[in-house]
């Protein structure tokens, strides 16, 4: 298990956040945690239906599936994620 540092962009509010996650975490778990933390920090319901939020990798140029683990699909520190 290793830590991965990600830059996360949320275009709907034009903001960027930094997160530290474990490489063994699933995309779905990371996405839910990011949504919770961003909602708490902004004190807004930015994501009305969290189940429909897409987790996109800018560096890998595609959508990441909720059941995949970050390490197994090659997500590395410094990469950029977009929540749309």
N, C-alpha and C. Protein backbone atom coordinates (compact mmCIF):
# COMPACT_ATOMS: atom_id res chain seq x y z
N UNK A 1 0.85 -1.17 0.00
CA UNK A 1 0.00 0.00 0.00
C UNK A 1 0.90 1.24 0.00
N UNK A 2 0.62 2.14 -0.91
CA UNK A 2 1.38 3.40 -0.94
C UNK A 2 0.41 4.56 -1.14
N UNK A 3 0.85 5.71 -0.73
CA UNK A 3 0.02 6.91 -0.86
C UNK A 3 0.14 7.47 -2.27
N UNK A 4 -0.97 7.95 -2.77
CA UNK A 4 -1.03 8.61 -4.08
C UNK A 4 -1.59 10.01 -3.84
N UNK A 5 -0.92 11.01 -4.38
CA UNK A 5 -1.37 12.40 -4.25
C UNK A 5 -1.98 12.82 -5.58
N UNK A 6 -3.24 13.22 -5.53
CA UNK A 6 -3.99 13.56 -6.74
C UNK A 6 -4.48 15.00 -6.71
N UNK A 7 -4.43 15.63 -7.86
CA UNK A 7 -5.08 16.93 -8.05
C UNK A 7 -6.45 16.63 -8.62
N UNK A 8 -7.49 17.18 -8.00
CA UNK A 8 -8.86 16.89 -8.43
C UNK A 8 -9.56 18.17 -8.83
N UNK A 9 -10.01 18.20 -10.07
CA UNK A 9 -10.72 19.37 -10.60
C UNK A 9 -12.22 19.11 -10.59
N UNK A 10 -12.96 20.16 -10.22
CA UNK A 10 -14.42 20.10 -10.24
C UNK A 10 -14.89 21.26 -11.11
N UNK A 11 -15.10 21.01 -12.41
CA UNK A 11 -15.45 22.08 -13.34
C UNK A 11 -16.74 22.82 -13.01
N UNK A 12 -17.69 22.14 -12.38
CA UNK A 12 -18.98 22.78 -12.10
C UNK A 12 -18.87 23.97 -11.16
N UNK A 13 -17.80 24.00 -10.35
CA UNK A 13 -17.58 25.15 -9.46
C UNK A 13 -16.22 25.80 -9.72
N UNK A 14 -15.54 25.36 -10.77
CA UNK A 14 -14.25 25.92 -11.18
C UNK A 14 -13.23 25.94 -10.04
N UNK A 15 -13.11 24.79 -9.35
CA UNK A 15 -12.15 24.69 -8.25
C UNK A 15 -11.32 23.42 -8.40
N UNK A 16 -10.14 23.46 -7.77
CA UNK A 16 -9.23 22.33 -7.76
C UNK A 16 -8.87 22.01 -6.32
N UNK A 17 -8.77 20.72 -6.03
CA UNK A 17 -8.45 20.25 -4.68
C UNK A 17 -7.30 19.25 -4.77
N UNK A 18 -6.63 19.03 -3.64
CA UNK A 18 -5.58 18.02 -3.56
C UNK A 18 -6.00 16.96 -2.55
N UNK A 19 -5.82 15.71 -2.93
CA UNK A 19 -6.18 14.58 -2.07
C UNK A 19 -5.01 13.61 -1.98
N UNK A 20 -4.93 12.94 -0.86
CA UNK A 20 -3.98 11.86 -0.64
C UNK A 20 -4.80 10.60 -0.39
N UNK A 21 -4.57 9.56 -1.18
CA UNK A 21 -5.34 8.32 -1.07
C UNK A 21 -4.39 7.13 -1.11
N UNK A 22 -4.88 5.96 -0.73
CA UNK A 22 -4.10 4.73 -0.78
C UNK A 22 -4.25 4.07 -2.15
N UNK A 23 -3.18 3.50 -2.65
CA UNK A 23 -3.20 2.86 -3.97
C UNK A 23 -4.11 1.64 -4.02
N UNK A 24 -4.44 1.05 -2.86
CA UNK A 24 -5.29 -0.14 -2.84
C UNK A 24 -6.78 0.19 -2.78
N UNK A 25 -7.11 1.47 -2.70
CA UNK A 25 -8.52 1.88 -2.64
C UNK A 25 -9.18 1.77 -4.00
N UNK A 26 -10.47 1.45 -3.99
CA UNK A 26 -11.21 1.39 -5.26
C UNK A 26 -11.57 2.80 -5.71
N UNK A 27 -11.77 2.94 -6.99
CA UNK A 27 -12.18 4.23 -7.55
C UNK A 27 -13.47 4.69 -6.90
N UNK A 28 -14.43 3.77 -6.71
CA UNK A 28 -15.71 4.12 -6.11
C UNK A 28 -15.57 4.67 -4.70
N UNK A 29 -14.70 4.05 -3.91
CA UNK A 29 -14.46 4.51 -2.54
C UNK A 29 -13.82 5.88 -2.53
N UNK A 30 -12.82 6.07 -3.38
CA UNK A 30 -12.12 7.36 -3.47
C UNK A 30 -13.09 8.45 -3.93
N UNK A 31 -13.89 8.13 -4.92
CA UNK A 31 -14.86 9.10 -5.44
C UNK A 31 -15.83 9.54 -4.34
N UNK A 32 -16.38 8.59 -3.59
CA UNK A 32 -17.32 8.91 -2.52
C UNK A 32 -16.66 9.78 -1.45
N UNK A 33 -15.42 9.46 -1.10
CA UNK A 33 -14.72 10.23 -0.08
C UNK A 33 -14.42 11.65 -0.58
N UNK A 34 -14.02 11.78 -1.83
CA UNK A 34 -13.77 13.10 -2.41
C UNK A 34 -15.06 13.94 -2.40
N UNK A 35 -16.15 13.34 -2.84
CA UNK A 35 -17.44 14.05 -2.88
C UNK A 35 -17.83 14.51 -1.49
N UNK A 36 -17.68 13.64 -0.49
CA UNK A 36 -18.03 13.99 0.88
C UNK A 36 -17.18 15.16 1.38
N UNK A 37 -15.87 15.07 1.17
CA UNK A 37 -14.98 16.13 1.66
C UNK A 37 -15.21 17.46 0.95
N UNK A 38 -15.40 17.42 -0.35
CA UNK A 38 -15.64 18.66 -1.11
C UNK A 38 -16.97 19.29 -0.66
N UNK A 39 -18.00 18.46 -0.50
CA UNK A 39 -19.30 18.96 -0.04
C UNK A 39 -19.18 19.60 1.35
N UNK A 40 -18.41 18.96 2.24
CA UNK A 40 -18.21 19.50 3.59
C UNK A 40 -17.44 20.83 3.56
N UNK A 41 -16.38 20.89 2.77
CA UNK A 41 -15.56 22.11 2.70
C UNK A 41 -16.33 23.27 2.10
N UNK A 42 -17.06 23.01 1.03
CA UNK A 42 -17.79 24.06 0.33
C UNK A 42 -19.14 24.37 0.96
N UNK A 43 -19.61 23.48 1.81
CA UNK A 43 -20.92 23.63 2.45
C UNK A 43 -22.03 23.83 1.40
N UNK A 44 -21.89 23.07 0.31
CA UNK A 44 -22.86 23.10 -0.79
C UNK A 44 -23.11 21.68 -1.27
N UNK A 45 -24.29 21.43 -1.79
CA UNK A 45 -24.57 20.15 -2.41
C UNK A 45 -24.22 20.25 -3.89
N UNK A 46 -22.95 20.13 -4.17
CA UNK A 46 -22.42 20.28 -5.54
C UNK A 46 -22.82 19.09 -6.42
N UNK A 47 -22.92 17.93 -5.79
CA UNK A 47 -23.21 16.70 -6.52
C UNK A 47 -24.57 16.15 -6.07
N UNK A 48 -25.67 16.58 -6.72
CA UNK A 48 -27.01 16.17 -6.28
C UNK A 48 -27.21 14.65 -6.30
N UNK A 49 -26.59 13.94 -7.22
CA UNK A 49 -26.68 12.48 -7.28
C UNK A 49 -25.27 11.91 -7.39
N UNK A 50 -24.62 11.65 -6.24
CA UNK A 50 -23.23 11.18 -6.25
C UNK A 50 -23.01 9.90 -7.05
N UNK A 51 -24.04 9.07 -7.21
CA UNK A 51 -23.90 7.84 -7.98
C UNK A 51 -23.70 8.10 -9.47
N UNK A 52 -24.06 9.29 -9.92
CA UNK A 52 -23.92 9.62 -11.34
C UNK A 52 -22.68 10.44 -11.65
N UNK A 53 -21.87 10.73 -10.63
CA UNK A 53 -20.64 11.50 -10.83
C UNK A 53 -19.62 10.62 -11.55
N UNK A 54 -18.98 11.19 -12.57
CA UNK A 54 -17.96 10.48 -13.33
C UNK A 54 -16.58 10.83 -12.78
N UNK A 55 -15.72 9.84 -12.68
CA UNK A 55 -14.36 9.96 -12.18
C UNK A 55 -13.44 9.81 -13.38
N UNK A 56 -12.92 10.91 -13.88
CA UNK A 56 -12.16 10.90 -15.11
C UNK A 56 -10.69 11.19 -14.84
N UNK A 57 -9.83 10.47 -15.52
CA UNK A 57 -8.40 10.72 -15.42
C UNK A 57 -7.96 11.54 -16.62
N UNK A 58 -7.45 12.74 -16.35
CA UNK A 58 -6.95 13.58 -17.43
C UNK A 58 -5.71 12.93 -18.05
N UNK A 59 -4.82 12.41 -17.20
CA UNK A 59 -3.56 11.84 -17.66
C UNK A 59 -3.75 10.54 -18.44
N UNK A 60 -4.74 9.74 -18.02
CA UNK A 60 -5.00 8.46 -18.69
C UNK A 60 -6.05 8.63 -19.80
N UNK A 61 -6.60 9.81 -19.92
CA UNK A 61 -7.56 10.18 -20.95
C UNK A 61 -8.78 9.26 -20.99
N UNK A 62 -9.43 9.09 -19.83
CA UNK A 62 -10.62 8.27 -19.84
C UNK A 62 -11.31 8.19 -18.50
N UNK A 63 -12.45 7.51 -18.51
CA UNK A 63 -13.24 7.28 -17.31
C UNK A 63 -12.67 6.09 -16.56
N UNK A 64 -12.67 6.18 -15.23
CA UNK A 64 -12.23 5.07 -14.40
C UNK A 64 -13.46 4.44 -13.77
N UNK A 65 -13.49 3.12 -13.74
CA UNK A 65 -14.64 2.38 -13.24
C UNK A 65 -14.57 2.23 -11.73
N UNK A 66 -15.73 2.29 -11.07
CA UNK A 66 -15.80 2.26 -9.60
C UNK A 66 -15.17 1.02 -8.98
N UNK A 67 -15.19 -0.11 -9.65
CA UNK A 67 -14.69 -1.34 -9.05
C UNK A 67 -13.18 -1.54 -9.22
N UNK A 68 -12.51 -0.69 -9.97
CA UNK A 68 -11.07 -0.81 -10.17
C UNK A 68 -10.32 -0.19 -9.00
N UNK A 69 -9.15 -0.77 -8.67
CA UNK A 69 -8.31 -0.14 -7.64
C UNK A 69 -7.32 0.78 -8.33
N UNK A 70 -6.99 1.87 -7.66
CA UNK A 70 -6.11 2.88 -8.26
C UNK A 70 -4.78 2.30 -8.70
N UNK A 71 -4.15 1.52 -7.83
CA UNK A 71 -2.84 0.95 -8.15
C UNK A 71 -2.87 -0.01 -9.32
N UNK A 72 -3.94 -0.81 -9.41
CA UNK A 72 -4.01 -1.82 -10.47
C UNK A 72 -4.20 -1.22 -11.85
N UNK A 73 -4.74 -0.01 -11.93
CA UNK A 73 -4.95 0.61 -13.24
C UNK A 73 -3.88 1.64 -13.57
N UNK A 74 -2.91 1.80 -12.66
CA UNK A 74 -1.77 2.65 -12.96
C UNK A 74 -1.90 4.11 -12.58
N UNK A 75 -2.81 4.45 -11.68
CA UNK A 75 -2.92 5.82 -11.22
C UNK A 75 -1.71 6.11 -10.33
N UNK A 76 -1.04 7.24 -10.59
CA UNK A 76 0.18 7.59 -9.87
C UNK A 76 0.08 8.98 -9.27
N UNK A 77 0.92 9.24 -8.29
CA UNK A 77 0.97 10.57 -7.69
C UNK A 77 1.22 11.64 -8.73
N UNK A 78 0.56 12.76 -8.53
CA UNK A 78 0.73 13.90 -9.44
C UNK A 78 -0.26 13.93 -10.58
N UNK A 79 -1.04 12.86 -10.75
CA UNK A 79 -2.01 12.85 -11.83
C UNK A 79 -3.22 13.71 -11.48
N UNK A 80 -3.95 14.07 -12.52
CA UNK A 80 -5.12 14.94 -12.35
C UNK A 80 -6.40 14.15 -12.61
N UNK A 81 -7.32 14.29 -11.67
CA UNK A 81 -8.64 13.65 -11.76
C UNK A 81 -9.68 14.75 -11.93
N UNK A 82 -10.73 14.44 -12.66
CA UNK A 82 -11.83 15.38 -12.82
C UNK A 82 -13.13 14.71 -12.38
N UNK A 83 -13.90 15.38 -11.55
CA UNK A 83 -15.21 14.89 -11.13
C UNK A 83 -16.26 15.68 -11.89
N UNK A 84 -17.01 14.97 -12.74
CA UNK A 84 -18.05 15.63 -13.54
C UNK A 84 -19.36 14.87 -13.42
